Amino acid sequence: MTDKRNPQAQQMGDESMARNLAWQAQAIWPQEQALFTRYRLSGPLRILDLGCGTGEITRRLADLYPQARVVGIDILEGNLALARRDSSAYGERIEYAVGDAFALRHPDAAFDLVVCRHMSQAVPHFDKVLDEIGRVLRSGGWLHLLSEDYAMLRFPRHLSTGGLPGPLPAILGLRGTSAPAGRTRAPAYRDFDPDRFWVDHALPFLESIGCDGRIGRHSPPLLETRGYGDLTVDYLIVDTVRVPRETFANILVAWRDGFAPVLAETTGRPLADVRADFDTMISDVATPPNYAVWHVPVISARRP
């Protein structure tokens, strides 16, 4: 895959991404695994985990389908080295390989199930990836697509003057507790709208490199126009009620460590200010009784 097809190679290859994938798996998989029952698949399946990263979900798929052969494809050898290291107990049931999601080396109709998670927002022209998925997925096979949308994150609003809506003044009065171990504390109380942060930082960055930060909401139409049937959209809810606060907070820590520099470059803001915004959200997630939520779309559909 060329750099134009993998414009986030630096961020995806950073050590923070391995942390991110591990924390995300802990947060999301407990809700997500139940969705696989609708596919009614069993036996000696062939499963593709496209954009497998460090193999966090590849291994979970192998556990979920004990007779299956699972192929994990990623563009970055560094991620795959970690995946192979941590998957040795699975033997030949898991195979990892460097591959191009736009031009897979597998024959037509090679897989019964294709799983593609946390990748659609990271590549340009994801519709072309969907075409390649359709080629290697057998007729009647299932696509399980976790497709992020960066306008679906919600954190407490901060106002520097006047009151905060509802109970928020009392909640924010509890600020000042430590963030996750080894991390900085949030900055002093200040005006900050986290809804604007994602719209004004993450979305412009992704657009600047040809990627779609709203691909979560754009994915269902892409599948419908390709004739997929039995289409279902579910939302996995990563929030401070369903997910341990430390887990949710550490997803944000990893995002901060990997993406703050490019977000600062995209917006022209000082890096310290962008990191401070992340630290505010991290502190809010880590500090009860604040509430924060990330809605994660999962689109399931059967290939015609």
C-alpha atoms as a PDB file:
ATOM      1  CA  MET A   1       0.000   0.000   0.000  1.00  0.00           C
ATOM      2  CA  THR A   2       1.437   3.353  -0.979  1.00  0.00           C
ATOM      3  CA  ASP A   3       1.641   6.292   1.399  1.00  0.00           C
ATOM      4  CA  LYS A   4      -1.340   7.828  -0.410  1.00  0.00           C
ATOM      5  CA  ARG A   5      -3.342   4.759   0.557  1.00  0.00           C
ATOM      6  CA  ASN A   6      -1.951   4.730   4.089  1.00  0.00           C
ATOM      7  CA  PRO A   7      -1.671   8.415   5.009  1.00  0.00           C
ATOM      8  CA  GLN A   8      -1.741   7.687   8.751  1.00  0.00           C
ATOM      9  CA  ALA A   9       1.200   5.281   8.649  1.00  0.00           C
ATOM     10  CA  GLN A  10       3.174   7.328  11.195  1.00  0.00           C
ATOM     11  CA  GLN A  11       0.338   7.362  13.703  1.00  0.00           C
ATOM     12  CA  MET A  12      -0.640   3.728  13.092  1.00  0.00           C
ATOM     13  CA  GLY A  13       2.951   2.620  13.582  1.00  0.00           C
ATOM     14  CA  ASP A  14       3.518   4.602  16.758  1.00  0.00           C
ATOM     15  CA  GLU A  15       3.779   2.686  20.020  1.00  0.00           C
ATOM     16  CA  SER A  16       0.704   4.546  21.239  1.00  0.00           C
ATOM     17  CA  MET A  17      -1.380   2.650  18.674  1.00  0.00           C
ATOM     18  CA  ALA A  18      -0.547  -0.704  20.277  1.00  0.00           C
ATOM     19  CA  ARG A  19      -1.775   0.718  23.583  1.00  0.00           C
ATOM     20  CA  ASN A  20      -4.834   2.143  21.900  1.00  0.00           C
ATOM     21  CA  LEU A  21      -5.821  -1.138  20.258  1.00  0.00           C
ATOM     22  CA  ALA A  22      -5.441  -3.019  23.536  1.00  0.00           C
ATOM     23  CA  TRP A  23      -7.577  -0.551  25.501  1.00  0.00           C
ATOM     24  CA  GLN A  24     -10.184  -0.349  22.733  1.00  0.00           C
ATOM     25  CA  ALA A  25     -10.489  -4.127  22.643  1.00  0.00           C
ATOM     26  CA  GLN A  26     -11.064  -4.196  26.393  1.00  0.00           C
ATOM     27  CA  ALA A  27     -13.712  -1.487  26.100  1.00  0.00           C
ATOM     28  CA  ILE A  28     -15.553  -2.690  23.006  1.00  0.00           C
ATOM     29  CA  TRP A  29     -15.265  -6.470  22.623  1.00  0.00           C
ATOM     30  CA  PRO A  30     -17.416  -7.411  25.651  1.00  0.00           C
ATOM     31  CA  GLN A  31     -20.381  -5.740  23.907  1.00  0.00           C
ATOM     32  CA  GLU A  32     -19.362  -6.562  20.360  1.00  0.00           C
ATOM     33  CA  GLN A  33     -18.868 -10.318  20.568  1.00  0.00           C
ATOM     34  CA  ALA A  34     -22.583 -10.993  21.001  1.00  0.00           C
ATOM     35  CA  LEU A  35     -23.242  -9.479  17.553  1.00  0.00           C
ATOM     36  CA  PHE A  36     -21.489 -12.403  15.875  1.00  0.00           C
ATOM     37  CA  THR A  37     -24.278 -14.792  16.885  1.00  0.00           C
ATOM     38  CA  ARG A  38     -26.541 -13.320  14.201  1.00  0.00           C
ATOM     39  CA  TYR A  39     -24.240 -14.681  11.490  1.00  0.00           C
ATOM     40  CA  ARG A  40     -24.911 -18.281  12.574  1.00  0.00           C
ATOM     41  CA  LEU A  41     -21.483 -19.386  11.469  1.00  0.00           C
ATOM     42  CA  SER A  42     -19.642 -22.432  12.768  1.00  0.00           C
ATOM     43  CA  GLY A  43     -17.256 -25.162  11.731  1.00  0.00           C
ATOM     44  CA  PRO A  44     -14.057 -24.858   9.689  1.00  0.00           C
ATOM     45  CA  LEU A  45     -14.579 -21.279   8.579  1.00  0.00           C
ATOM     46  CA  ARG A  46     -12.193 -18.978   6.773  1.00  0.00           C
ATOM     47  CA  ILE A  47     -12.175 -15.544   8.461  1.00  0.00           C
ATOM     48  CA  LEU A  48     -10.350 -12.408   7.364  1.00  0.00           C
ATOM     49  CA  ASP A  49      -9.445  -9.740   9.926  1.00  0.00           C
ATOM     50  CA  LEU A  50      -8.620  -6.838   7.626  1.00  0.00           C
ATOM     51  CA  GLY A  51      -6.531  -4.114   9.235  1.00  0.00           C
ATOM     52  CA  CYS A  52      -5.795  -6.438  12.149  1.00  0.00           C
ATOM     53  CA  GLY A  53      -3.158  -4.239  13.804  1.00  0.00           C
ATOM     54  CA  THR A  54      -1.575  -6.058  16.731  1.00  0.00           C
ATOM     55  CA  GLY A  55      -4.009  -8.980  16.558  1.00  0.00           C
ATOM     56  CA  GLU A  56      -6.132  -8.072  19.570  1.00  0.00           C
ATOM     57  CA  ILE A  57      -9.355  -9.030  17.797  1.00  0.00           C
ATOM     58  CA  THR A  58      -7.780 -11.703  15.587  1.00  0.00           C
ATOM     59  CA  ARG A  59      -7.111 -13.763  18.695  1.00  0.00           C
ATOM     60  CA  ARG A  60     -10.584 -13.120  20.045  1.00  0.00           C
ATOM     61  CA  LEU A  61     -12.073 -14.290  16.746  1.00  0.00           C
ATOM     62  CA  ALA A  62     -10.027 -17.470  16.955  1.00  0.00           C
ATOM     63  CA  ASP A  63     -11.410 -18.039  20.446  1.00  0.00           C
ATOM     64  CA  LEU A  64     -14.965 -17.319  19.297  1.00  0.00           C
ATOM     65  CA  TYR A  65     -14.691 -19.713  16.327  1.00  0.00           C
ATOM     66  CA  PRO A  66     -12.468 -22.573  17.568  1.00  0.00           C
ATOM     67  CA  GLN A  67     -12.534 -24.509  14.276  1.00  0.00           C
ATOM     68  CA  ALA A  68     -11.814 -21.510  12.063  1.00  0.00           C
ATOM     69  CA  ARG A  69      -8.662 -20.402  10.296  1.00  0.00           C
ATOM     70  CA  VAL A  70      -8.202 -16.669  10.798  1.00  0.00           C
ATOM     71  CA  VAL A  71      -6.078 -14.523   8.496  1.00  0.00           C
ATOM     72  CA  GLY A  72      -4.924 -11.168   9.852  1.00  0.00           C
ATOM     73  CA  ILE A  73      -3.851  -8.581   7.268  1.00  0.00           C
ATOM     74  CA  ASP A  74      -2.183  -5.285   8.090  1.00  0.00           C
ATOM     75  CA  ILE A  75      -0.031  -2.830   6.167  1.00  0.00           C
ATOM     76  CA  LEU A  76       2.529  -2.391   8.957  1.00  0.00           C
ATOM     77  CA  GLU A  77       5.034  -5.143   9.711  1.00  0.00           C
ATOM     78  CA  GLY A  78       5.723  -3.634  13.138  1.00  0.00           C
ATOM     79  CA  ASN A  79       2.129  -4.260  14.202  1.00  0.00           C
ATOM     80  CA  LEU A  80       2.244  -7.782  12.807  1.00  0.00           C
ATOM     81  CA  ALA A  81       5.430  -8.582  14.718  1.00  0.00           C
ATOM     82  CA  LEU A  82       3.554  -7.842  17.940  1.00  0.00           C
ATOM     83  CA  ALA A  83       0.576  -9.848  16.697  1.00  0.00           C
ATOM     84  CA  ARG A  84       2.713 -12.912  15.935  1.00  0.00           C
ATOM     85  CA  ARG A  85       4.478 -12.657  19.277  1.00  0.00           C
ATOM     86  CA  ASP A  86       1.213 -12.664  21.189  1.00  0.00           C
ATOM     87  CA  SER A  87      -0.532 -15.302  19.026  1.00  0.00           C
ATOM     88  CA  SER A  88       2.014 -18.096  19.160  1.00  0.00           C
ATOM     89  CA  ALA A  89      -0.308 -20.336  21.202  1.00  0.00           C
ATOM     90  CA  TYR A  90      -2.773 -20.482  18.293  1.00  0.00           C
ATOM     91  CA  GLY A  91      -0.334 -22.193  15.940  1.00  0.00           C
ATOM     92  CA  GLU A  92      -1.491 -22.477  12.341  1.00  0.00           C
ATOM     93  CA  ARG A  93      -5.036 -21.416  13.190  1.00  0.00           C
ATOM     94  CA  ILE A  94      -3.931 -17.777  12.859  1.00  0.00           C
ATOM     95  CA  GLU A  95      -1.910 -16.493   9.920  1.00  0.00           C
ATOM     96  CA  TYR A  96      -0.603 -12.942   9.704  1.00  0.00           C
ATOM     97  CA  ALA A  97       0.627 -11.226   6.553  1.00  0.00           C
ATOM     98  CA  VAL A  98       1.434  -7.764   5.265  1.00  0.00           C
ATOM     99  CA  GLY A  99      -1.176  -6.837   2.712  1.00  0.00           C
ATOM    100  CA  ASP A 100      -2.804  -4.071   0.719  1.00  0.00           C
ATOM    101  CA  ALA A 101      -6.495  -3.672   1.536  1.00  0.00           C
ATOM    102  CA  PHE A 102      -7.004  -2.235  -1.949  1.00  0.00           C
ATOM    103  CA  ALA A 103      -5.467  -5.291  -3.657  1.00  0.00           C
ATOM    104  CA  LEU A 104      -5.576  -8.423  -1.524  1.00  0.00           C
ATOM    105  CA  ARG A 105      -3.598 -11.465  -2.614  1.00  0.00           C
ATOM    106  CA  HIS A 106      -6.429 -13.857  -1.845  1.00  0.00           C
ATOM    107  CA  PRO A 107      -8.632 -15.432  -4.520  1.00  0.00           C
ATOM    108  CA  ASP A 108     -12.273 -14.577  -5.098  1.00  0.00           C
ATOM    109  CA  ALA A 109     -14.798 -15.851  -2.532  1.00  0.00           C
ATOM    110  CA  ALA A 110     -12.014 -16.976  -0.177  1.00  0.00           C
ATOM    111  CA  PHE A 111     -13.703 -16.059   3.133  1.00  0.00           C
ATOM    112  CA  ASP A 112     -16.925 -16.802   4.974  1.00  0.00           C
ATOM    113  CA  LEU A 113     -16.609 -13.751   7.237  1.00  0.00           C
ATOM    114  CA  VAL A 114     -14.662 -10.524   6.834  1.00  0.00           C
ATOM    115  CA  VAL A 115     -14.096  -8.409   9.924  1.00  0.00           C
ATOM    116  CA  CYS A 116     -12.872  -4.847   9.414  1.00  0.00           C
ATOM    117  CA  ARG A 117     -12.557  -2.716  12.536  1.00  0.00           C
ATOM    118  CA  HIS A 118     -11.126   0.765  13.182  1.00  0.00           C
ATOM    119  CA  MET A 119      -9.787   0.966   9.612  1.00  0.00           C
ATOM    120  CA  SER A 120     -12.427   2.702   7.507  1.00  0.00           C
ATOM    121  CA  GLN A 121     -11.546   6.164   8.882  1.00  0.00           C
ATOM    122  CA  ALA A 122      -7.830   5.575   8.333  1.00  0.00           C
ATOM    123  CA  VAL A 123      -7.757   5.068   4.554  1.00  0.00           C
ATOM    124  CA  PRO A 124      -8.911   7.245   1.651  1.00  0.00           C
ATOM    125  CA  HIS A 125     -11.489   5.936  -0.809  1.00  0.00           C
ATOM    126  CA  PHE A 126     -12.842   3.334   1.571  1.00  0.00           C
ATOM    127  CA  ASP A 127     -15.412   2.448  -1.067  1.00  0.00           C
ATOM    128  CA  LYS A 128     -12.602   0.821  -3.051  1.00  0.00           C
ATOM    129  CA  VAL A 129     -11.660  -1.245  -0.002  1.00  0.00           C
ATOM    130  CA  LEU A 130     -15.277  -2.369   0.206  1.00  0.00           C
ATOM    131  CA  ASP A 131     -15.087  -3.480  -3.417  1.00  0.00           C
ATOM    132  CA  GLU A 132     -12.047  -5.601  -2.607  1.00  0.00           C
ATOM    133  CA  ILE A 133     -13.772  -7.032   0.460  1.00  0.00           C
ATOM    134  CA  GLY A 134     -16.698  -7.969  -1.764  1.00  0.00           C
ATOM    135  CA  ARG A 135     -14.354  -9.791  -4.101  1.00  0.00           C
ATOM    136  CA  VAL A 136     -12.789 -12.026  -1.428  1.00  0.00           C
ATOM    137  CA  LEU A 137     -16.040 -12.591   0.533  1.00  0.00           C
ATOM    138  CA  ARG A 138     -18.138 -15.495  -0.708  1.00  0.00           C
ATOM    139  CA  SER A 139     -21.731 -14.992  -1.781  1.00  0.00           C
ATOM    140  CA  GLY A 140     -23.852 -15.207   1.352  1.00  0.00           C
ATOM    141  CA  GLY A 141     -20.855 -14.447   3.548  1.00  0.00           C
ATOM    142  CA  TRP A 142     -20.947 -11.765   6.209  1.00  0.00           C
ATOM    143  CA  LEU A 143     -19.166  -8.452   6.579  1.00  0.00           C
ATOM    144  CA  HIS A 144     -18.690  -7.153  10.119  1.00  0.00           C
ATOM    145  CA  LEU A 145     -17.647  -3.504   9.849  1.00  0.00           C
ATOM    146  CA  LEU A 146     -16.765  -1.338  12.841  1.00  0.00           C
ATOM    147  CA  SER A 147     -16.684   2.101  11.286  1.00  0.00           C
ATOM    148  CA  GLU A 148     -15.698   5.043  13.490  1.00  0.00           C
ATOM    149  CA  ASP A 149     -17.341   8.455  13.411  1.00  0.00           C
ATOM    150  CA  TYR A 150     -15.542  11.319  15.145  1.00  0.00           C
ATOM    151  CA  ALA A 151     -18.686  13.390  15.555  1.00  0.00           C
ATOM    152  CA  MET A 152     -20.055  10.724  17.912  1.00  0.00           C
ATOM    153  CA  LEU A 153     -17.945  11.529  20.986  1.00  0.00           C
ATOM    154  CA  ARG A 154     -19.452  13.483  23.888  1.00  0.00           C
ATOM    155  CA  PHE A 155     -17.714  14.853  26.970  1.00  0.00           C
ATOM    156  CA  PRO A 156     -18.656  17.411  29.661  1.00  0.00           C
ATOM    157  CA  ARG A 157     -18.883  21.035  28.561  1.00  0.00           C
ATOM    158  CA  HIS A 158     -16.703  23.589  30.385  1.00  0.00           C
ATOM    159  CA  LEU A 159     -17.531  27.279  30.657  1.00  0.00           C
ATOM    160  CA  SER A 160     -15.126  29.799  32.142  1.00  0.00           C
ATOM    161  CA  THR A 161     -17.894  32.212  33.223  1.00  0.00           C
ATOM    162  CA  GLY A 162     -21.425  31.736  34.402  1.00  0.00           C
ATOM    163  CA  GLY A 163     -22.987  28.471  35.389  1.00  0.00           C
ATOM    164  CA  LEU A 164     -22.834  25.087  33.748  1.00  0.00           C
ATOM    165  CA  PRO A 165     -26.027  23.304  32.744  1.00  0.00           C
ATOM    166  CA  GLY A 166     -27.676  21.082  35.311  1.00  0.00           C
ATOM    167  CA  PRO A 167     -25.397  19.449  37.883  1.00  0.00           C
ATOM    168  CA  LEU A 168     -22.140  20.150  36.087  1.00  0.00           C
ATOM    169  CA  PRO A 169     -20.785  22.877  38.433  1.00  0.00           C
ATOM    170  CA  ALA A 170     -20.749  20.433  41.321  1.00  0.00           C
ATOM    171  CA  ILE A 171     -19.289  17.715  39.139  1.00  0.00           C
ATOM    172  CA  LEU A 172     -16.474  19.909  37.925  1.00  0.00           C
ATOM    173  CA  GLY A 173     -15.780  20.912  41.502  1.00  0.00           C
ATOM    174  CA  LEU A 174     -14.426  17.404  41.968  1.00  0.00           C
ATOM    175  CA  ARG A 175     -11.719  17.976  39.381  1.00  0.00           C
ATOM    176  CA  GLY A 176      -8.091  17.810  40.375  1.00  0.00           C
ATOM    177  CA  THR A 177      -7.844  14.061  40.937  1.00  0.00           C
ATOM    178  CA  SER A 178      -5.016  12.308  39.197  1.00  0.00           C
ATOM    179  CA  ALA A 179      -5.362  11.155  35.628  1.00  0.00           C
ATOM    180  CA  PRO A 180      -4.349   7.547  34.755  1.00  0.00           C
ATOM    181  CA  ALA A 181      -1.049   6.476  36.252  1.00  0.00           C
ATOM    182  CA  GLY A 182       1.940   8.335  34.904  1.00  0.00           C
ATOM    183  CA  ARG A 183      -0.130  10.939  33.065  1.00  0.00           C
ATOM    184  CA  THR A 184      -0.438  14.669  33.540  1.00  0.00           C
ATOM    185  CA  ARG A 185      -3.314  16.299  35.344  1.00  0.00           C
ATOM    186  CA  ALA A 186      -5.868  18.292  33.411  1.00  0.00           C
ATOM    187  CA  PRO A 187      -5.284  22.032  33.105  1.00  0.00           C
ATOM    188  CA  ALA A 188      -6.991  24.563  35.353  1.00  0.00           C
ATOM    189  CA  TYR A 189     -10.713  25.142  34.880  1.00  0.00           C
ATOM    190  CA  ARG A 190     -11.247  26.983  31.577  1.00  0.00           C
ATOM    191  CA  ASP A 191     -13.634  27.412  28.691  1.00  0.00           C
ATOM    192  CA  PHE A 192     -13.653  24.247  26.609  1.00  0.00           C
ATOM    193  CA  ASP A 193     -16.271  22.701  24.331  1.00  0.00           C
ATOM    194  CA  PRO A 194     -15.208  19.107  23.549  1.00  0.00           C
ATOM    195  CA  ASP A 195     -17.912  18.756  20.880  1.00  0.00           C
ATOM    196  CA  ARG A 196     -16.133  21.467  18.905  1.00  0.00           C
ATOM    197  CA  PHE A 197     -12.758  19.835  19.550  1.00  0.00           C
ATOM    198  CA  TRP A 198     -13.579  16.745  17.474  1.00  0.00           C
ATOM    199  CA  VAL A 199     -15.326  18.730  14.746  1.00  0.00           C
ATOM    200  CA  ASP A 200     -12.585  21.384  14.546  1.00  0.00           C
ATOM    201  CA  HIS A 201      -9.552  19.103  14.960  1.00  0.00           C
ATOM    202  CA  ALA A 202     -10.105  15.435  14.113  1.00  0.00           C
ATOM    203  CA  LEU A 203     -12.429  15.932  11.149  1.00  0.00           C
ATOM    204  CA  PRO A 204     -10.257  18.576   9.374  1.00  0.00           C
ATOM    205  CA  PHE A 205      -7.149  16.444   9.904  1.00  0.00           C
ATOM    206  CA  LEU A 206      -8.794  13.417   8.337  1.00  0.00           C
ATOM    207  CA  GLU A 207     -10.167  15.475   5.469  1.00  0.00           C
ATOM    208  CA  SER A 208      -6.699  16.938   4.843  1.00  0.00           C
ATOM    209  CA  ILE A 209      -5.319  13.444   4.158  1.00  0.00           C
ATOM    210  CA  GLY A 210      -8.292  12.279   2.100  1.00  0.00           C
ATOM    211  CA  CYS A 211     -10.006  10.260   4.838  1.00  0.00           C
ATOM    212  CA  ASP A 212     -13.589  10.402   6.087  1.00  0.00           C
ATOM    213  CA  GLY A 213     -14.003  11.108   9.793  1.00  0.00           C
ATOM    214  CA  ARG A 214     -17.755  10.543   9.455  1.00  0.00           C
ATOM    215  CA  ILE A 215     -17.419   7.176   7.711  1.00  0.00           C
ATOM    216  CA  GLY A 216     -19.512   5.534  10.429  1.00  0.00           C
ATOM    217  CA  ARG A 217     -22.704   7.177   9.173  1.00  0.00           C
ATOM    218  CA  HIS A 218     -21.615   6.888   5.542  1.00  0.00           C
ATOM    219  CA  SER A 219     -20.937   3.132   5.644  1.00  0.00           C
ATOM    220  CA  PRO A 220     -24.524   1.769   5.515  1.00  0.00           C
ATOM    221  CA  PRO A 221     -25.324   3.483   2.177  1.00  0.00           C
ATOM    222  CA  LEU A 222     -22.060   2.173   0.720  1.00  0.00           C
ATOM    223  CA  LEU A 223     -23.126  -1.378   1.525  1.00  0.00           C
ATOM    224  CA  GLU A 224     -26.699  -0.911   0.324  1.00  0.00           C
ATOM    225  CA  THR A 225     -25.539   0.382  -3.064  1.00  0.00           C
ATOM    226  CA  ARG A 226     -23.393  -2.747  -3.397  1.00  0.00           C
ATOM    227  CA  GLY A 227     -26.376  -4.978  -2.912  1.00  0.00           C
ATOM    228  CA  TYR A 228     -25.637  -6.253   0.574  1.00  0.00           C
ATOM    229  CA  GLY A 229     -28.630  -7.655   2.398  1.00  0.00           C
ATOM    230  CA  ASP A 230     -29.713  -8.232   6.008  1.00  0.00           C
ATOM    231  CA  LEU A 231     -28.067  -4.926   6.869  1.00  0.00           C
ATOM    232  CA  THR A 232     -28.087  -3.997  10.547  1.00  0.00           C
ATOM    233  CA  VAL A 233     -26.525  -1.038  12.350  1.00  0.00           C
ATOM    234  CA  ASP A 234     -25.682  -1.435  16.025  1.00  0.00           C
ATOM    235  CA  TYR A 235     -24.035   1.043  18.365  1.00  0.00           C
ATOM    236  CA  LEU A 236     -21.479  -0.119  20.874  1.00  0.00           C
ATOM    237  CA  ILE A 237     -21.458   2.322  23.759  1.00  0.00           C
ATOM    238  CA  VAL A 238     -18.133   3.190  25.315  1.00  0.00           C
ATOM    239  CA  ASP A 239     -19.101   5.307  28.284  1.00  0.00           C
ATOM    240  CA  THR A 240     -18.302   5.850  31.931  1.00  0.00           C
ATOM    241  CA  VAL A 241     -21.167   3.559  33.008  1.00  0.00           C
ATOM    242  CA  ARG A 242     -20.511   0.479  30.856  1.00  0.00           C
ATOM    243  CA  VAL A 243     -16.709   0.683  30.629  1.00  0.00           C
ATOM    244  CA  PRO A 244     -14.212   1.101  33.472  1.00  0.00           C
ATOM    245  CA  ARG A 245     -13.116   4.714  33.682  1.00  0.00           C
ATOM    246  CA  GLU A 246      -9.443   3.765  33.524  1.00  0.00           C
ATOM    247  CA  THR A 247     -10.013   1.852  30.278  1.00  0.00           C
ATOM    248  CA  PHE A 248     -11.915   4.702  28.618  1.00  0.00           C
ATOM    249  CA  ALA A 249      -9.407   7.289  29.849  1.00  0.00           C
ATOM    250  CA  ASN A 250      -6.460   5.321  28.508  1.00  0.00           C
ATOM    251  CA  ILE A 251      -7.989   5.220  25.032  1.00  0.00           C
ATOM    252  CA  LEU A 252      -7.863   9.021  25.140  1.00  0.00           C
ATOM    253  CA  VAL A 253      -4.317   8.973  26.521  1.00  0.00           C
ATOM    254  CA  ALA A 254      -3.219   6.861  23.547  1.00  0.00           C
ATOM    255  CA  TRP A 255      -5.050   9.134  21.107  1.00  0.00           C
ATOM    256  CA  ARG A 256      -3.378  12.156  22.679  1.00  0.00           C
ATOM    257  CA  ASP A 257       0.087  10.624  22.487  1.00  0.00           C
ATOM    258  CA  GLY A 258      -0.326   9.526  18.883  1.00  0.00           C
ATOM    259  CA  PHE A 259      -2.403  12.283  17.313  1.00  0.00           C
ATOM    260  CA  ALA A 260      -1.898  15.548  19.219  1.00  0.00           C
ATOM    261  CA  PRO A 261       1.074  16.613  17.031  1.00  0.00           C
ATOM    262  CA  VAL A 262      -0.785  16.217  13.725  1.00  0.00           C
ATOM    263  CA  LEU A 263      -3.921  17.845  15.119  1.00  0.00           C
ATOM    264  CA  ALA A 264      -1.832  20.810  16.237  1.00  0.00           C
ATOM    265  CA  GLU A 265      -0.198  21.002  12.815  1.00  0.00           C
ATOM    266  CA  THR A 266      -3.561  20.817  11.028  1.00  0.00           C
ATOM    267  CA  THR A 267      -5.193  23.535  13.123  1.00  0.00           C
ATOM    268  CA  GLY A 268      -2.153  25.770  13.647  1.00  0.00           C
ATOM    269  CA  ARG A 269      -2.651  25.629  17.411  1.00  0.00           C
ATOM    270  CA  PRO A 270       0.223  25.150  19.864  1.00  0.00           C
ATOM    271  CA  LEU A 271       0.832  21.495  20.672  1.00  0.00           C
ATOM    272  CA  ALA A 272       0.597  22.256  24.386  1.00  0.00           C
ATOM    273  CA  ASP A 273      -2.947  23.601  23.921  1.00  0.00           C
ATOM    274  CA  VAL A 274      -4.091  20.543  21.982  1.00  0.00           C
ATOM    275  CA  ARG A 275      -2.613  18.259  24.628  1.00  0.00           C
ATOM    276  CA  ALA A 276      -4.353  20.333  27.312  1.00  0.00           C
ATOM    277  CA  ASP A 277      -7.696  19.725  25.592  1.00  0.00           C
ATOM    278  CA  PHE A 278      -7.036  15.994  25.613  1.00  0.00           C
ATOM    279  CA  ASP A 279      -5.986  16.176  29.263  1.00  0.00           C
ATOM    280  CA  THR A 280      -9.262  17.885  30.165  1.00  0.00           C
ATOM    281  CA  MET A 281     -11.255  15.059  28.574  1.00  0.00           C
ATOM    282  CA  ILE A 282      -9.007  12.427  30.151  1.00  0.00           C
ATOM    283  CA  SER A 283      -9.506  13.957  33.580  1.00  0.00           C
ATOM    284  CA  ASP A 284     -13.266  14.194  33.086  1.00  0.00           C
ATOM    285  CA  VAL A 285     -13.489  10.522  32.146  1.00  0.00           C
ATOM    286  CA  ALA A 286     -11.279   9.464  35.053  1.00  0.00           C
ATOM    287  CA  THR A 287     -13.148  11.547  37.637  1.00  0.00           C
ATOM    288  CA  PRO A 288     -16.551  10.409  38.981  1.00  0.00           C
ATOM    289  CA  PRO A 289     -19.338  11.279  38.633  1.00  0.00           C
ATOM    290  CA  ASN A 290     -18.611  12.914  35.259  1.00  0.00           C
ATOM    291  CA  TYR A 291     -20.247  11.221  32.285  1.00  0.00           C
ATOM    292  CA  ALA A 292     -18.745  10.801  28.804  1.00  0.00           C
ATOM    293  CA  VAL A 293     -19.732   8.604  25.882  1.00  0.00           C
ATOM    294  CA  TRP A 294     -18.383   7.384  22.533  1.00  0.00           C
ATOM    295  CA  HIS A 295     -20.914   5.753  20.196  1.00  0.00           C
ATOM    296  CA  VAL A 296     -19.206   3.213  17.938  1.00  0.00           C
ATOM    297  CA  PRO A 297     -21.194   2.082  14.873  1.00  0.00           C
ATOM    298  CA  VAL A 298     -21.009  -1.553  13.775  1.00  0.00           C
ATOM    299  CA  ILE A 299     -22.563  -2.383  10.421  1.00  0.00           C
ATOM    300  CA  SER A 300     -23.371  -6.015   9.657  1.00  0.00           C
ATOM    301  CA  ALA A 301     -24.447  -7.177   6.222  1.00  0.00           C
ATOM    302  CA  ARG A 302     -24.557 -10.254   4.002  1.00  0.00           C
ATOM    303  CA  ARG A 303     -22.910 -10.257   0.585  1.00  0.00           C
ATOM    304  CA  PRO A 304     -25.266 -10.939  -2.299  1.00  0.00           C
END
